[in-house]
Amino acid sequence: MRFSRSSSAPSPWRAAWLLSAALALFPAHAASQVSGDTEQVQTQRNRDAVGQAFAAWSAGGQTFFDDILAPDVVWTIKGSGPSAAVHRGKLNLIEHAVKPLSARLAGPIRPTVRNLWAEGEHVIIHWDGETTTKEGKPYRNSYVWIFRMRDGRAAEVTAFLDLVAYDEVVRR
């Protein structure tokens, strides 16, 4: 690619090159590198916390919500219908969203993690869950949960799932 000096505005490529060259010349860049290292540590720590909680759940553990949620978590179930809601506090979530579903299941939902992404304080997990209802019918759902972590615990969670499948089981 050839850069023209006659143009009054630099090409995007030239502007990017100039910016990267300027950043390399200033000590502030070194400070941002340290900050970047700290964010990488935070990212890995948060990714590990969520990944380990899901691994324990998948292996048969029954303490997932205690393992990963802050007591004052704000859990938002997105969508429309009777189960879409904002739950403030772990106990509220368990009482109004977890128990109504689990009371109608023959066994615990077993998660299968499809993807796990993390950056800084945010972790996104895509997972599938399945079990059988007390009537012997399958319950399968696919979830995407977005966590905002604080001190190794989820302070905020936004949950996306098939609410029709969830509500169908809860209404029985």
Protein backbone atom coordinates (compact mmCIF):
# COMPACT_ATOMS: atom_id res chain seq x y z
CA MET A 1 0.00 0.00 0.00
CA ARG A 2 1.28 3.47 -0.87
CA PHE A 3 0.70 6.50 1.34
CA SER A 4 0.12 9.80 -0.38
CA ARG A 5 1.61 12.90 1.20
CA SER A 6 -0.63 15.17 -0.81
CA SER A 7 -3.75 14.14 1.05
CA SER A 8 -4.74 16.42 3.93
CA ALA A 9 -6.07 13.47 5.99
CA PRO A 10 -3.93 10.39 6.62
CA SER A 11 -5.27 7.03 5.57
CA PRO A 12 -6.69 4.89 8.41
CA TRP A 13 -3.65 2.60 8.13
CA ARG A 14 -1.21 5.49 8.41
CA ALA A 15 -3.15 6.97 11.33
CA ALA A 16 -3.03 3.63 13.14
CA TRP A 17 0.70 3.32 12.49
CA LEU A 18 1.33 6.86 13.75
CA LEU A 19 -0.71 6.20 16.88
CA SER A 20 1.13 2.98 17.66
CA ALA A 21 4.49 4.70 17.09
CA ALA A 22 3.51 7.58 19.39
CA LEU A 23 2.40 5.20 22.13
CA ALA A 24 5.73 3.39 21.95
CA LEU A 25 7.58 6.67 22.60
CA PHE A 26 5.72 7.72 25.75
CA PRO A 27 6.21 6.28 29.25
CA ALA A 28 2.45 6.38 29.85
CA HIS A 29 2.31 3.36 27.56
CA ALA A 30 4.33 1.40 30.13
CA ALA A 31 1.78 2.29 32.83
CA SER A 32 -1.06 1.11 30.62
CA GLN A 33 0.84 -2.17 30.09
CA VAL A 34 0.90 -2.74 33.87
CA SER A 35 -2.81 -1.92 33.96
CA GLY A 36 -3.32 -4.40 31.09
CA ASP A 37 -1.46 -7.10 33.04
CA THR A 38 -3.70 -6.47 36.05
CA GLU A 39 -6.77 -6.77 33.83
CA GLN A 40 -5.42 -10.03 32.41
CA VAL A 41 -5.04 -11.40 35.94
CA GLN A 42 -8.57 -10.27 36.82
CA THR A 43 -9.91 -11.77 33.60
CA GLN A 44 -8.28 -15.13 34.30
CA ARG A 45 -9.37 -15.16 37.94
CA ASN A 46 -13.00 -14.44 36.98
CA ARG A 47 -12.94 -16.96 34.13
CA ASP A 48 -11.56 -19.60 36.50
CA ALA A 49 -14.16 -18.87 39.21
CA VAL A 50 -17.08 -19.33 36.81
CA GLY A 51 -15.48 -22.28 35.01
CA GLN A 52 -14.74 -24.08 38.29
CA ALA A 53 -18.26 -23.51 39.61
CA PHE A 54 -19.73 -24.98 36.41
CA ALA A 55 -17.27 -27.90 36.48
CA ALA A 56 -18.31 -28.74 40.04
CA TRP A 57 -22.00 -28.47 39.11
CA SER A 58 -21.51 -30.65 36.04
CA ALA A 59 -19.74 -33.27 38.20
CA GLY A 60 -22.80 -33.52 40.44
CA GLY A 61 -22.20 -30.68 42.86
CA GLN A 62 -25.27 -29.06 44.36
CA THR A 63 -23.79 -25.78 45.62
CA PHE A 64 -23.44 -23.82 42.38
CA PHE A 65 -25.40 -20.76 43.51
CA ASP A 66 -23.60 -20.67 46.87
CA ASP A 67 -20.24 -21.12 45.13
CA ILE A 68 -20.53 -18.29 42.64
CA LEU A 69 -23.16 -15.73 43.67
CA ALA A 70 -22.63 -12.76 45.93
CA PRO A 71 -25.34 -12.61 48.62
CA ASP A 72 -26.57 -9.29 47.17
CA VAL A 73 -26.53 -10.42 43.52
CA VAL A 74 -28.89 -8.75 41.10
CA TRP A 75 -30.09 -11.48 38.72
CA THR A 76 -32.08 -10.40 35.67
CA ILE A 77 -33.98 -12.95 33.62
CA LYS A 78 -34.49 -11.35 30.21
CA GLY A 79 -37.48 -11.93 28.00
CA SER A 80 -41.20 -11.72 28.31
CA GLY A 81 -43.64 -13.82 30.23
CA PRO A 82 -44.25 -14.62 33.87
CA SER A 83 -40.68 -15.68 34.66
CA ALA A 84 -38.89 -12.65 33.25
CA ALA A 85 -37.90 -10.64 36.30
CA VAL A 86 -35.20 -8.96 38.32
CA HIS A 87 -34.27 -10.82 41.51
CA ARG A 88 -32.38 -8.85 44.16
CA GLY A 89 -30.36 -11.09 46.41
CA LYS A 90 -29.35 -14.74 46.20
CA LEU A 91 -32.13 -15.91 48.51
CA ASN A 92 -34.77 -14.10 46.44
CA LEU A 93 -33.45 -15.71 43.26
CA ILE A 94 -33.44 -19.18 44.78
CA GLU A 95 -36.93 -18.80 46.26
CA HIS A 96 -38.60 -17.32 43.16
CA ALA A 97 -36.71 -18.80 40.20
CA VAL A 98 -34.64 -21.84 41.20
CA LYS A 99 -37.03 -23.63 43.58
CA PRO A 100 -40.15 -23.39 41.37
CA LEU A 101 -38.26 -25.18 38.58
CA SER A 102 -36.29 -27.68 40.66
CA ALA A 103 -39.45 -28.72 42.57
CA ARG A 104 -40.84 -30.06 39.28
CA LEU A 105 -37.70 -31.90 38.17
CA ALA A 106 -36.83 -35.53 38.88
CA GLY A 107 -33.17 -34.64 39.25
CA PRO A 108 -30.81 -31.68 39.02
CA ILE A 109 -30.07 -29.98 35.73
CA ARG A 110 -26.67 -31.05 34.43
CA PRO A 111 -24.88 -28.29 32.54
CA THR A 112 -22.78 -28.75 29.44
CA VAL A 113 -20.64 -25.69 28.79
CA ARG A 114 -20.48 -24.71 25.12
CA ASN A 115 -18.39 -21.54 25.40
CA LEU A 116 -16.90 -19.38 28.11
CA TRP A 117 -15.59 -15.88 27.50
CA ALA A 118 -14.09 -13.44 29.96
CA GLU A 119 -12.73 -9.93 29.93
CA GLY A 120 -12.00 -8.01 33.10
CA GLU A 121 -14.95 -8.21 35.45
CA HIS A 122 -17.27 -9.76 32.84
CA VAL A 123 -17.73 -13.45 32.12
CA ILE A 124 -20.16 -14.84 29.55
CA ILE A 125 -21.07 -18.50 29.51
CA HIS A 126 -23.15 -20.36 26.95
CA TRP A 127 -24.37 -23.67 28.28
CA ASP A 128 -27.01 -26.31 27.71
CA GLY A 129 -28.83 -28.02 30.52
CA GLU A 130 -30.98 -31.08 30.64
CA THR A 131 -32.78 -33.33 33.03
CA THR A 132 -36.16 -35.06 33.34
CA THR A 133 -39.33 -33.69 34.90
CA LYS A 134 -41.19 -35.59 37.60
CA GLU A 135 -43.68 -36.62 34.88
CA GLY A 136 -40.83 -38.29 32.99
CA LYS A 137 -40.65 -35.67 30.23
CA PRO A 138 -37.31 -34.22 29.15
CA TYR A 139 -36.39 -30.69 30.12
CA ARG A 140 -33.76 -29.16 27.87
CA ASN A 141 -32.76 -25.55 27.63
CA SER A 142 -29.93 -23.46 26.29
CA TYR A 143 -28.66 -20.56 28.36
CA VAL A 144 -26.40 -17.55 28.06
CA TRP A 145 -25.50 -15.96 31.38
CA ILE A 146 -23.53 -12.73 31.58
CA PHE A 147 -21.76 -12.25 34.91
CA ARG A 148 -20.27 -9.08 36.33
CA MET A 149 -17.86 -10.31 38.96
CA ARG A 150 -16.81 -8.66 42.20
CA ASP A 151 -14.23 -10.27 44.50
CA GLY A 152 -14.62 -13.70 42.86
CA ARG A 153 -18.42 -13.70 43.06
CA ALA A 154 -21.16 -12.72 40.63
CA ALA A 155 -22.56 -9.34 41.66
CA GLU A 156 -24.84 -9.03 38.62
CA VAL A 157 -26.11 -11.67 36.22
CA THR A 158 -28.18 -11.28 33.09
CA ALA A 159 -29.72 -14.58 32.03
CA PHE A 160 -31.04 -15.47 28.59
CA LEU A 161 -32.90 -18.76 28.12
CA ASP A 162 -35.95 -20.26 26.45
CA LEU A 163 -38.58 -18.96 28.88
CA VAL A 164 -41.34 -20.89 27.12
CA ALA A 165 -39.66 -24.20 28.03
CA TYR A 166 -38.95 -22.99 31.57
CA ASP A 167 -42.49 -21.65 32.12
CA GLU A 168 -44.02 -24.83 30.71
CA VAL A 169 -42.34 -26.91 33.42
CA VAL A 170 -43.03 -24.41 36.22
CA ARG A 171 -46.78 -24.23 35.34
CA ARG A 172 -47.25 -28.02 35.66
